[in-house]
Amino acid sequence: MIDAVIIGGGHNGLTCAFYLARAGLKVTVCEARDVLGGAAVTEEFAPGFSNSTASYTVSLLQPKVIADMRLPERGYRVIERPVSNYLPLEGDYLLMGGGLEASQAQVARFSKSDAERLSDYFDMLEDAAEVLRGLALKAPPDPKGGLRSLVDAAMQARGLARLSVERQRQVLQLFTRSAREVLDDWFESEPVKAAFGFDACVGHYASPDEPGSAYVLLHHVFGEVNGKKGAWGHVIGGMGAITQMMAAAAREQGVEIRTGAPVSGVLVEHGKAVGVRLANEEELRSRRVISNMGPKPLFDRLVPRSALPEDFARAMDGYRGGSGSLRMNVALSGLPRFRHAPEGDAHLRSGIIMAPSLDYMDRAWLDARSQGFSAKPIVEMLIPSLVDDSLAPEGQHVASLFCQHVDPDMPEEQEAAAVEAVFDVIEYHAPGFRELVLHRQIHTPRALEAKFGLWRGDIFHGRMSLDQLWAARPALGAGSYRTPLEGLWLCGAGTHPGGGVTGAPGHNAAHAILKSRRFWAK
């Protein structure tokens, strides 16, 4: 009898498997694809050109997970961006990052007042991010957990309670207000607001004017790279290097990992999950089933509705997702040359954001709502081959393009036009870019779901809104990784603390399972 079977070999599934096996459990991981790693994979997408084909940059991976799985000993190495972001503008540009003074000097070219407020803004974000860091590796309280849950809730609220009243007010605004409202309170320059507001649109199919969109901005800054909080970077070998190292760590603990093993259903007997059925009709019996796939496809496709309490089934009927992201990988014969750029190549080693204002971002969303895709989309470009020469032939490069907004329900016949709109934006800022393109790999929301199992192309496994966060992610009653179906647990990005390559859901789910096992053993 297997102690745990895990559906999905993404980074959270591997993390969960590692911790359970380290505690002595017999664990099997079933991955549908022949390639292990879920959305954190490195693949050759054209002859001689490889890239992180879905997730594409690192910051949020938890230091505890990195240390426990001994990833640095296995070759984990991250190269930080010399500057955070480069925004090409009409007749100008804005560089953010490279230290506070460098950022202030850049911002002062647009607004001296904004430059003066920059330090206070960073301090506010860091205080808020520190609260999130304190919660990231803790299971949210179960609303049915009685006194113990009340104690857990009080303990987890301590990080917020330590802040001044003014700071608590500002943090509350980040959770409830729109990105525009928050940024309008801090800054007057449109390029400066755009530089920060972009994070509120990443993987979020919404306008920066949507209430709650400021939280998505915050979600992207609670990570760290090489001990530097809020930093982002490229992992050598691409994102697939992380999951291959995680797989090695799990196998060392005795985990069995199966690829090419799609799960077609969860076995339920006498009101309890007792294993899974594979697409080839093989059945794996297990004391518990743990899902790393998104909660929506899990409950819609793999779990019989009759096995769920009706109120929970209705809650999952209303679960919202669909991040509106168009993800492309491009093989290039050389480096792009932007019309307005500083000297050197630091800007090419950063996140290149082609979205000059919050109004631009709002129009991109309105376009997608009305016609299926943005006529002038939000485009972020990274060129990882500048720091990792294993990804492309000498003198050539690969670019990661992350683009918003595309309606997850956009008809297939519109996909070609949506892709060309992205290249129109890049060509405007970097004339001649199209001539550099040797090959392109296109992942629309539909393709992201078909290839990686990301429901409606949602990179977060579900919307990161206040009603789908913390103890309510994916829904109240399942926010502490245990579902209402006995024996069925969740360990993916559809649980706290949400999306991104963090390892936190996998870590937390494993510890919640082990804690439950010890309790019942008494």
Protein backbone atom coordinates (compact mmCIF):
# COMPACT_ATOMS: atom_id res chain seq x y z
CA MET A 1 0.00 0.00 0.00
CA ILE A 2 1.36 3.43 -1.01
CA ASP A 3 1.18 6.07 1.73
CA ALA A 4 0.62 8.92 -0.73
CA VAL A 5 0.07 9.27 -4.45
CA ILE A 6 0.61 12.77 -5.82
CA ILE A 7 -1.16 13.94 -8.97
CA GLY A 8 1.25 16.12 -10.94
CA GLY A 9 5.04 16.33 -11.00
CA GLY A 10 5.35 20.11 -10.90
CA HIS A 11 7.63 21.80 -8.41
CA ASN A 12 5.06 21.78 -5.60
CA GLY A 13 4.26 18.11 -6.12
CA LEU A 14 7.97 17.26 -5.99
CA THR A 15 8.45 19.41 -2.90
CA CYS A 16 5.55 17.74 -1.13
CA ALA A 17 6.83 14.29 -2.11
CA PHE A 18 10.30 15.09 -0.77
CA TYR A 19 9.09 16.12 2.69
CA LEU A 20 6.70 13.18 3.02
CA ALA A 21 9.33 10.66 1.94
CA ARG A 22 11.90 12.22 4.24
CA ALA A 23 9.48 11.50 7.09
CA GLY A 24 9.33 7.86 6.07
CA LEU A 25 6.24 7.69 3.88
CA LYS A 26 6.11 5.66 0.68
CA VAL A 27 5.26 8.16 -2.09
CA THR A 28 4.49 7.89 -5.81
CA VAL A 29 4.27 10.93 -8.11
CA CYS A 30 2.25 10.67 -11.33
CA GLU A 31 3.06 13.23 -14.03
CA ALA A 32 0.90 13.31 -17.16
CA ARG A 33 3.62 14.59 -19.48
CA ASP A 34 6.77 12.77 -20.50
CA VAL A 35 8.66 15.82 -19.24
CA LEU A 36 8.82 16.26 -15.45
CA GLY A 37 8.40 19.67 -13.85
CA GLY A 38 4.90 20.92 -14.65
CA ALA A 39 5.16 24.52 -15.86
CA ALA A 40 8.75 24.85 -14.54
CA VAL A 41 10.54 23.12 -17.42
CA THR A 42 13.41 23.77 -19.81
CA GLU A 43 12.80 22.46 -23.32
CA GLU A 44 14.43 22.72 -26.73
CA PHE A 45 11.83 24.62 -28.75
CA ALA A 46 13.94 24.96 -31.93
CA PRO A 47 17.13 23.15 -33.04
CA GLY A 48 19.91 24.45 -30.77
CA PHE A 49 17.60 26.77 -28.80
CA SER A 50 16.30 25.94 -25.32
CA ASN A 51 14.38 28.02 -22.83
CA SER A 52 12.15 27.96 -19.80
CA THR A 53 9.07 27.41 -21.89
CA ALA A 54 6.38 28.39 -19.34
CA SER A 55 7.53 29.88 -16.01
CA TYR A 56 10.63 31.88 -16.86
CA THR A 57 12.20 33.77 -13.95
CA VAL A 58 12.91 33.10 -10.29
CA SER A 59 12.50 34.96 -7.00
CA LEU A 60 9.71 33.43 -4.97
CA LEU A 61 11.27 29.99 -4.37
CA GLN A 62 11.40 29.67 -0.58
CA PRO A 63 14.90 29.68 0.98
CA LYS A 64 13.87 26.90 3.38
CA VAL A 65 12.86 24.67 0.47
CA ILE A 66 16.11 25.48 -1.34
CA ALA A 67 18.13 24.56 1.77
CA ASP A 68 16.15 21.44 2.76
CA MET A 69 16.36 19.96 -0.73
CA ARG A 70 20.05 20.96 -0.92
CA LEU A 71 19.54 22.60 -4.29
CA PRO A 72 22.81 24.65 -4.25
CA GLU A 73 24.76 21.40 -3.81
CA ARG A 74 22.96 20.07 -6.87
CA GLY A 75 23.97 23.06 -9.01
CA TYR A 76 21.27 25.64 -8.26
CA ARG A 77 22.67 29.03 -9.26
CA VAL A 78 20.75 32.24 -9.91
CA ILE A 79 22.15 35.27 -11.75
CA GLU A 80 20.50 38.45 -10.54
CA ARG A 81 19.27 41.15 -12.87
CA PRO A 82 21.65 44.16 -12.82
CA VAL A 83 18.55 46.37 -12.90
CA SER A 84 15.00 45.26 -12.22
CA ASN A 85 13.11 46.69 -15.16
CA TYR A 86 13.62 48.76 -18.28
CA LEU A 87 10.66 50.65 -19.74
CA PRO A 88 11.14 52.01 -23.28
CA LEU A 89 9.08 55.20 -23.55
CA GLU A 90 8.20 57.65 -26.29
CA GLY A 91 11.50 59.50 -26.79
CA ASP A 92 12.90 58.29 -23.46
CA TYR A 93 13.27 55.33 -21.11
CA LEU A 94 13.09 54.48 -17.42
CA LEU A 95 15.41 52.08 -15.60
CA MET A 96 14.38 50.78 -12.19
CA GLY A 97 16.70 48.92 -9.84
CA GLY A 98 20.43 48.75 -9.32
CA GLY A 99 20.12 50.27 -5.86
CA LEU A 100 18.00 53.00 -4.30
CA GLU A 101 20.19 55.90 -5.42
CA ALA A 102 20.26 54.69 -9.02
CA SER A 103 16.47 54.32 -9.05
CA GLN A 104 15.99 57.74 -7.48
CA ALA A 105 18.23 59.34 -10.10
CA GLN A 106 16.15 57.74 -12.85
CA VAL A 107 12.84 58.69 -11.28
CA ALA A 108 13.98 62.26 -10.67
CA ARG A 109 14.17 62.77 -14.43
CA PHE A 110 10.38 62.46 -14.44
CA SER A 111 9.47 63.78 -10.98
CA LYS A 112 11.64 65.00 -8.12
CA SER A 113 8.72 64.49 -5.77
CA ASP A 114 8.41 60.86 -6.81
CA ALA A 115 12.15 60.36 -6.31
CA GLU A 116 11.85 61.66 -2.78
CA ARG A 117 8.95 59.31 -2.01
CA LEU A 118 10.61 56.25 -3.50
CA SER A 119 12.41 55.19 -0.32
CA ASP A 120 9.21 55.39 1.75
CA TYR A 121 7.32 53.41 -0.88
CA PHE A 122 9.95 50.67 -0.89
CA ASP A 123 9.84 50.57 2.92
CA MET A 124 6.06 50.19 2.86
CA LEU A 125 6.24 47.38 0.29
CA GLU A 126 8.96 45.62 2.24
CA ASP A 127 6.95 45.80 5.50
CA ALA A 128 3.95 44.33 3.69
CA ALA A 129 6.11 41.71 1.99
CA GLU A 130 7.59 40.73 5.34
CA VAL A 131 4.08 39.97 6.59
CA LEU A 132 3.58 37.68 3.59
CA ARG A 133 6.94 36.01 4.15
CA GLY A 134 5.87 35.26 7.70
CA LEU A 135 2.71 33.55 6.43
CA ALA A 136 4.14 31.78 3.38
CA LEU A 137 5.26 28.62 5.15
CA LYS A 138 2.30 28.36 7.53
CA ALA A 139 -0.92 26.48 6.89
CA PRO A 140 -3.92 28.83 7.16
CA PRO A 141 -6.35 28.09 9.99
CA ASP A 142 -9.24 25.75 9.27
CA PRO A 143 -12.59 27.48 9.97
CA LYS A 144 -13.87 24.16 11.33
CA GLY A 145 -10.85 23.69 13.56
CA GLY A 146 -12.31 25.14 16.74
CA LEU A 147 -10.11 26.68 19.43
CA ARG A 148 -6.89 25.50 17.79
CA SER A 149 -7.75 27.38 14.60
CA LEU A 150 -8.56 30.53 16.55
CA VAL A 151 -5.12 30.30 18.17
CA ASP A 152 -3.48 29.74 14.78
CA ALA A 153 -5.28 32.74 13.31
CA ALA A 154 -4.20 34.96 16.21
CA MET A 155 -0.60 33.77 15.93
CA GLN A 156 -0.51 34.38 12.17
CA ALA A 157 -1.91 37.88 12.65
CA ARG A 158 1.03 38.87 14.86
CA GLY A 159 3.15 40.03 11.92
CA LEU A 160 0.52 42.55 10.91
CA ALA A 161 -0.14 43.60 14.50
CA ARG A 162 3.52 44.54 14.97
CA LEU A 163 3.22 47.26 12.31
CA SER A 164 2.25 50.81 13.14
CA VAL A 165 -1.39 51.74 12.63
CA GLU A 166 -0.46 53.82 9.58
CA ARG A 167 1.42 50.88 8.06
CA GLN A 168 -1.46 48.52 8.79
CA ARG A 169 -3.73 50.95 6.96
CA GLN A 170 -1.41 50.96 3.95
CA VAL A 171 -1.17 47.16 3.92
CA LEU A 172 -4.96 46.90 4.10
CA GLN A 173 -5.15 49.16 1.04
CA LEU A 174 -2.81 46.81 -0.85
CA PHE A 175 -5.22 43.96 -0.21
CA THR A 176 -8.39 45.81 -1.13
CA ARG A 177 -7.70 48.75 -3.46
CA SER A 178 -6.86 48.88 -7.12
CA ALA A 179 -3.24 49.23 -8.20
CA ARG A 180 -4.04 52.64 -9.67
CA GLU A 181 -5.54 53.95 -6.42
CA VAL A 182 -2.52 52.83 -4.41
CA LEU A 183 0.02 54.17 -6.91
CA ASP A 184 -1.86 57.47 -7.37
CA ASP A 185 -1.51 58.03 -3.62
CA TRP A 186 2.26 57.64 -3.87
CA PHE A 187 3.39 58.99 -7.24
CA GLU A 188 2.54 61.59 -9.88
CA SER A 189 4.61 60.42 -12.88
CA GLU A 190 2.92 58.03 -15.31
CA PRO A 191 6.12 56.12 -16.24
CA VAL A 192 6.91 55.60 -12.55
CA LYS A 193 3.40 54.31 -11.86
CA ALA A 194 3.68 52.05 -14.90
CA ALA A 195 6.97 50.59 -13.66
CA PHE A 196 5.29 49.43 -10.47
CA GLY A 197 1.81 48.85 -11.87
CA PHE A 198 3.00 46.24 -14.34
CA ASP A 199 3.33 43.69 -11.54
CA ALA A 200 -0.39 44.07 -10.81
CA CYS A 201 -1.15 42.81 -14.34
CA VAL A 202 1.21 39.82 -14.42
CA GLY A 203 -0.94 36.74 -14.77
CA HIS A 204 -3.98 38.77 -13.73
CA TYR A 205 -6.71 39.13 -16.34
CA ALA A 206 -7.90 42.52 -15.12
CA SER A 207 -7.40 46.24 -15.39
CA PRO A 208 -5.08 48.01 -12.93
CA ASP A 209 -8.30 49.80 -11.93
CA GLU A 210 -9.88 46.63 -10.56
CA PRO A 211 -10.33 46.62 -6.77
CA GLY A 212 -7.87 44.18 -5.22
CA SER A 213 -5.40 44.35 -8.09
CA ALA A 214 -2.85 46.00 -5.80
CA TYR A 215 -2.41 42.67 -4.01
CA VAL A 216 -1.02 41.05 -7.16
CA LEU A 217 1.56 43.84 -7.20
CA LEU A 218 2.54 42.82 -3.67
CA HIS A 219 2.61 39.09 -4.41
CA HIS A 220 5.52 39.59 -6.81
CA VAL A 221 7.82 41.27 -4.28
CA PHE A 222 7.83 38.89 -1.29
CA GLY A 223 10.57 36.69 -2.73
CA GLU A 224 14.35 36.96 -2.76
CA VAL A 225 17.40 35.93 -4.75
CA ASN A 226 20.76 35.11 -3.18
CA GLY A 227 19.57 36.62 0.09
CA LYS A 228 18.46 39.90 -1.52
CA LYS A 229 14.81 40.52 -0.78
CA GLY A 230 12.58 41.45 -3.69
CA ALA A 231 15.24 40.59 -6.30
CA TRP A 232 14.63 38.52 -9.44
CA GLY A 233 17.01 36.52 -11.59
CA HIS A 234 17.72 33.76 -14.08
CA VAL A 235 18.53 30.24 -12.91
CA ILE A 236 21.32 28.64 -14.92
CA GLY A 237 19.85 25.84 -16.99
CA GLY A 238 16.42 27.41 -17.00
CA MET A 239 13.49 26.73 -14.70
CA GLY A 240 13.62 23.05 -15.58
CA ALA A 241 16.94 22.84 -13.78
CA ILE A 242 15.08 23.56 -10.52
CA THR A 243 12.57 20.76 -10.97
CA GLN A 244 15.22 18.28 -12.11
CA MET A 245 17.17 19.01 -8.92
CA MET A 246 13.99 18.65 -6.89
CA ALA A 247 13.28 15.31 -8.55
CA ALA A 248 16.78 14.13 -7.67
CA ALA A 249 16.22 15.15 -4.04
CA ALA A 250 12.89 13.32 -3.94
CA ARG A 251 14.29 10.16 -5.52
CA GLU A 252 17.09 10.13 -2.94
CA GLN A 253 14.38 9.88 -0.29
CA GLY A 254 12.80 6.93 -2.09
CA VAL A 255 10.05 8.67 -4.06
CA GLU A 256 8.82 6.81 -7.14
CA ILE A 257 8.27 9.26 -10.02
CA ARG A 258 6.26 8.23 -13.05
CA THR A 259 6.10 10.32 -16.20
CA GLY A 260 3.66 9.75 -19.04
CA ALA A 261 1.17 8.71 -16.36
CA PRO A 262 -1.94 10.92 -16.62
CA VAL A 263 -4.54 10.41 -13.89
CA SER A 264 -8.09 9.94 -15.17
CA GLY A 265 -9.88 9.82 -11.83
CA VAL A 266 -9.67 9.75 -8.04
CA LEU A 267 -10.87 6.47 -6.53
CA VAL A 268 -13.48 7.01 -3.84
CA GLU A 269 -14.80 4.27 -1.58
CA HIS A 270 -17.10 4.72 1.42
CA GLY A 271 -16.63 8.48 1.36
CA LYS A 272 -12.81 8.35 1.28
CA ALA A 273 -10.18 8.89 -1.43
CA VAL A 274 -8.30 5.59 -1.67
CA GLY A 275 -6.14 6.05 -4.77
CA VAL A 276 -6.15 7.06 -8.43
CA ARG A 277 -6.98 5.52 -11.77
CA LEU A 278 -4.52 6.20 -14.58
CA ALA A 279 -5.49 6.78 -18.18
CA ASN A 280 -4.27 3.27 -19.01
CA GLU A 281 -6.82 1.91 -16.47
CA GLU A 282 -4.13 0.98 -13.92
CA GLU A 283 -5.22 1.68 -10.36
CA LEU A 284 -2.84 2.86 -7.65
CA ARG A 285 -4.23 2.29 -4.16
CA SER A 286 -3.04 4.76 -1.56
CA ARG A 287 -3.76 5.86 1.99
CA ARG A 288 -4.10 9.42 0.73
CA VAL A 289 -4.29 11.28 -2.57
CA ILE A 290 -2.57 14.65 -2.95
CA SER A 291 -3.29 16.90 -5.93
CA ASN A 292 -0.74 19.29 -7.37
CA MET A 293 -3.07 20.14 -10.26
CA GLY A 294 -5.36 23.15 -10.14
CA PRO A 295 -8.38 22.75 -7.87
CA LYS A 296 -10.89 23.53 -10.62
CA PRO A 297 -9.92 20.72 -13.04
CA LEU A 298 -9.42 18.38 -10.08
CA PHE A 299 -12.96 18.76 -8.79
CA ASP A 300 -14.55 19.19 -12.21
CA ARG A 301 -12.91 16.20 -13.90
CA LEU A 302 -11.32 13.76 -11.47
CA VAL A 303 -13.46 13.73 -8.32
CA PRO A 304 -17.06 12.50 -8.50
CA ARG A 305 -19.36 15.35 -7.54
CA SER A 306 -21.38 12.94 -5.42
CA ALA A 307 -18.30 12.48 -3.19
CA LEU A 308 -18.29 16.17 -2.22
CA PRO A 309 -20.52 18.10 0.17
CA GLU A 310 -22.93 20.09 -1.98
CA ASP A 311 -21.95 23.45 -0.48
CA PHE A 312 -18.29 22.81 -1.32
CA ALA A 313 -19.16 21.64 -4.83
CA ARG A 314 -21.10 24.86 -5.38
CA ALA A 315 -18.16 26.89 -4.06
CA MET A 316 -15.89 25.23 -6.61
CA ASP A 317 -18.46 25.90 -9.33
CA GLY A 318 -17.86 29.58 -8.59
CA TYR A 319 -14.07 29.36 -8.45
CA ARG A 320 -12.58 32.00 -10.75
CA GLY A 321 -9.48 31.89 -12.92
CA GLY A 322 -7.94 32.63 -16.30
CA SER A 323 -4.88 34.88 -16.28
CA GLY A 324 -5.17 36.16 -19.86
CA SER A 325 -1.51 35.45 -20.59
CA LEU A 326 0.10 34.79 -23.98
CA ARG A 327 3.49 33.15 -23.44
CA MET A 328 6.03 32.93 -26.28
CA ASN A 329 9.62 31.81 -26.71
CA VAL A 330 11.60 33.29 -29.57
CA ALA A 331 14.89 32.19 -31.15
CA LEU A 332 16.89 35.24 -32.29
CA SER A 333 19.84 35.64 -34.65
CA GLY A 334 21.09 38.58 -32.54
CA LEU A 335 20.16 41.06 -29.85
CA PRO A 336 17.37 43.61 -30.33
CA ARG A 337 18.25 47.29 -30.46
CA PHE A 338 15.73 49.56 -28.76
CA ARG A 339 15.12 53.05 -30.11
CA HIS A 340 15.56 54.69 -26.72
CA ALA A 341 17.97 52.87 -24.44
CA PRO A 342 20.95 53.60 -22.17
CA GLU A 343 24.48 52.59 -23.08
CA GLY A 344 25.64 49.06 -22.38
CA ASP A 345 23.45 45.98 -22.10
CA ALA A 346 22.19 46.13 -18.49
CA HIS A 347 18.74 47.05 -19.80
CA LEU A 348 18.72 43.89 -21.94
CA ARG A 349 19.50 41.78 -18.86
CA SER A 350 16.47 43.16 -17.02
CA GLY A 351 12.75 42.76 -17.42
CA ILE A 352 11.92 44.82 -20.52
CA ILE A 353 8.40 46.16 -20.01
CA MET A 354 6.57 47.59 -22.98
CA ALA A 355 3.61 49.28 -21.28
CA PRO A 356 4.26 52.99 -20.65
CA SER A 357 1.27 53.88 -18.45
CA LEU A 358 -1.59 52.54 -16.38
CA ASP A 359 -3.98 53.88 -19.02
CA TYR A 360 -2.18 51.74 -21.61
CA MET A 361 -2.63 48.68 -19.37
CA ASP A 362 -6.30 49.48 -18.86
CA ARG A 363 -6.88 49.78 -22.62
CA ALA A 364 -5.12 46.46 -23.16
CA TRP A 365 -7.63 44.78 -20.84
CA LEU A 366 -10.61 46.58 -22.35
CA ASP A 367 -9.48 45.48 -25.83
CA ALA A 368 -9.29 41.86 -24.74
CA ARG A 369 -12.72 42.07 -23.19
CA SER A 370 -14.27 43.52 -26.32
CA GLN A 371 -12.37 41.77 -29.14
CA GLY A 372 -10.56 38.82 -27.57
CA PHE A 373 -7.05 40.26 -27.48
CA SER A 374 -5.22 43.55 -27.02
CA ALA A 375 -4.48 45.64 -30.09
CA LYS A 376 -1.54 47.05 -28.11
CA PRO A 377 -0.72 44.38 -25.55
CA ILE A 378 1.40 44.62 -22.42
CA VAL A 379 4.68 42.88 -23.26
CA GLU A 380 7.50 41.81 -20.98
CA MET A 381 10.67 40.50 -22.61
CA LEU A 382 13.57 38.72 -20.94
CA ILE A 383 16.71 37.51 -22.73
CA PRO A 384 18.11 34.74 -20.49
CA SER A 385 20.77 33.70 -23.01
CA LEU A 386 22.70 36.84 -22.07
CA VAL A 387 23.55 35.19 -18.74
CA ASP A 388 23.24 31.51 -19.70
CA ASP A 389 25.04 30.69 -22.96
CA SER A 390 23.86 27.07 -22.84
CA LEU A 391 20.45 28.16 -24.14
CA ALA A 392 21.43 29.24 -27.67
CA PRO A 393 24.22 28.85 -30.25
CA GLU A 394 27.11 31.29 -29.96
CA GLY A 395 26.13 34.80 -31.04
CA GLN A 396 22.43 33.96 -31.01
CA HIS A 397 19.82 34.33 -28.30
CA VAL A 398 16.48 33.30 -26.87
CA ALA A 399 13.83 35.70 -25.62
CA SER A 400 10.95 34.98 -23.26
CA LEU A 401 7.82 37.00 -24.02
CA PHE A 402 5.08 37.29 -21.43
CA CYS A 403 2.11 39.20 -22.78
CA GLN A 404 -1.25 40.49 -21.51
CA HIS A 405 -4.13 40.47 -22.29
CA VAL A 406 -5.73 37.61 -24.17
CA ASP A 407 -9.23 36.43 -23.37
CA PRO A 408 -8.96 32.78 -22.26
CA ASP A 409 -12.04 32.14 -24.43
CA MET A 410 -10.63 33.85 -27.52
CA PRO A 411 -11.56 31.88 -30.68
CA GLU A 412 -8.66 30.02 -32.29
CA GLU A 413 -9.05 31.98 -35.51
CA GLN A 414 -7.97 35.13 -33.63
CA GLU A 415 -4.74 33.67 -32.27
CA ALA A 416 -2.55 34.66 -35.22
CA ALA A 417 -3.73 38.28 -34.97
CA ALA A 418 -3.06 38.30 -31.20
CA VAL A 419 0.50 37.10 -31.81
CA GLU A 420 1.13 39.71 -34.52
CA ALA A 421 -0.10 42.43 -32.17
CA VAL A 422 2.67 41.45 -29.75
CA PHE A 423 5.32 41.64 -32.48
CA ASP A 424 3.92 45.02 -33.61
CA VAL A 425 4.54 46.41 -30.12
CA ILE A 426 8.09 45.03 -29.97
CA GLU A 427 8.87 46.22 -33.49
CA TYR A 428 7.78 49.73 -32.58
CA HIS A 429 10.20 49.90 -29.67
CA ALA A 430 12.97 47.82 -31.28
CA PRO A 431 12.87 48.31 -35.07
CA GLY A 432 14.18 45.30 -36.96
CA PHE A 433 13.14 42.80 -34.28
CA ARG A 434 11.09 40.72 -36.70
CA GLU A 435 14.16 40.26 -38.93
CA LEU A 436 16.00 38.68 -35.98
CA VAL A 437 13.34 36.03 -35.38
CA LEU A 438 14.43 32.53 -36.43
CA HIS A 439 11.68 30.58 -34.69
CA ARG A 440 8.83 31.22 -32.29
CA GLN A 441 6.93 28.98 -29.91
CA ILE A 442 3.44 30.19 -29.03
CA HIS A 443 1.44 29.33 -25.92
CA THR A 444 -2.01 30.91 -25.89
CA PRO A 445 -4.16 30.32 -22.79
CA ARG A 446 -5.70 27.38 -24.67
CA ALA A 447 -2.24 25.93 -25.39
CA LEU A 448 -1.09 26.47 -21.79
CA GLU A 449 -4.05 24.38 -20.64
CA ALA A 450 -3.56 21.66 -23.25
CA LYS A 451 0.18 21.32 -22.68
CA PHE A 452 0.71 22.10 -19.00
CA GLY A 453 -2.76 21.50 -17.55
CA LEU A 454 -3.14 25.14 -16.55
CA TRP A 455 -6.92 25.58 -16.40
CA ARG A 456 -7.93 28.45 -18.71
CA GLY A 457 -4.22 29.19 -19.05
CA ASP A 458 -4.12 30.43 -15.45
CA ILE A 459 -0.50 30.55 -14.29
CA PHE A 460 -1.68 30.90 -10.66
CA HIS A 461 -4.18 27.97 -10.76
CA GLY A 462 -6.91 30.49 -9.93
CA ARG A 463 -7.47 34.20 -9.47
CA MET A 464 -5.45 35.85 -6.70
CA SER A 465 -8.34 37.89 -5.32
CA LEU A 466 -9.25 38.53 -1.69
CA ASP A 467 -12.03 35.90 -1.81
CA GLN A 468 -9.53 33.28 -3.03
CA LEU A 469 -6.58 33.91 -0.69
CA TRP A 470 -5.20 32.50 2.57
CA ALA A 471 -7.79 30.32 4.36
CA ALA A 472 -10.17 30.81 1.43
CA ARG A 473 -7.78 29.43 -1.20
CA PRO A 474 -9.30 27.64 -3.03
CA ALA A 475 -12.36 27.91 -0.75
CA LEU A 476 -13.19 28.03 2.94
CA GLY A 477 -13.12 24.50 4.19
CA ALA A 478 -10.17 23.50 2.01
CA GLY A 479 -7.76 26.35 2.68
CA SER A 480 -5.54 24.32 4.99
CA TYR A 481 -4.70 21.78 2.25
CA ARG A 482 -7.21 19.17 3.46
CA THR A 483 -10.37 18.90 1.34
CA PRO A 484 -13.84 17.93 2.58
CA LEU A 485 -13.32 14.51 0.98
CA GLU A 486 -11.45 12.39 3.52
CA GLY A 487 -8.04 11.32 2.26
CA LEU A 488 -7.82 13.99 -0.46
CA TRP A 489 -5.34 16.83 -0.04
CA LEU A 490 -4.15 19.77 -2.15
CA CYS A 491 -0.53 20.90 -2.59
CA GLY A 492 -0.54 23.17 -5.67
CA ALA A 493 -0.66 26.87 -6.46
CA GLY A 494 -4.43 26.85 -5.97
CA THR A 495 -3.70 26.80 -2.24
CA HIS A 496 -1.98 29.30 0.09
CA PRO A 497 0.18 31.28 -0.63
CA GLY A 498 -0.72 31.04 -4.32
CA GLY A 499 1.07 31.06 -7.64
CA GLY A 500 4.65 31.42 -8.72
CA VAL A 501 7.54 28.99 -8.31
CA THR A 502 7.60 29.08 -4.50
CA GLY A 503 7.53 25.50 -3.23
CA ALA A 504 5.48 26.84 -0.32
CA PRO A 505 2.20 25.00 -1.04
CA GLY A 506 4.07 21.70 -1.40
CA HIS A 507 6.02 22.32 1.80
CA ASN A 508 2.94 23.34 3.76
CA ALA A 509 0.75 20.51 2.51
CA ALA A 510 3.36 17.93 3.47
CA HIS A 511 3.68 19.35 6.96
CA ALA A 512 -0.09 19.52 7.39
CA ILE A 513 -0.36 15.86 6.33
CA LEU A 514 2.42 14.78 8.69
CA LYS A 515 0.86 16.74 11.54
CA SER A 516 -2.50 15.08 10.89
CA ARG A 517 -0.86 11.66 10.72
CA ARG A 518 0.85 12.17 14.07
CA PHE A 519 -2.42 13.36 15.62
CA TRP A 520 -4.36 10.29 14.50
CA ALA A 521 -1.49 8.01 15.48
CA LYS A 522 -2.04 9.11 19.08
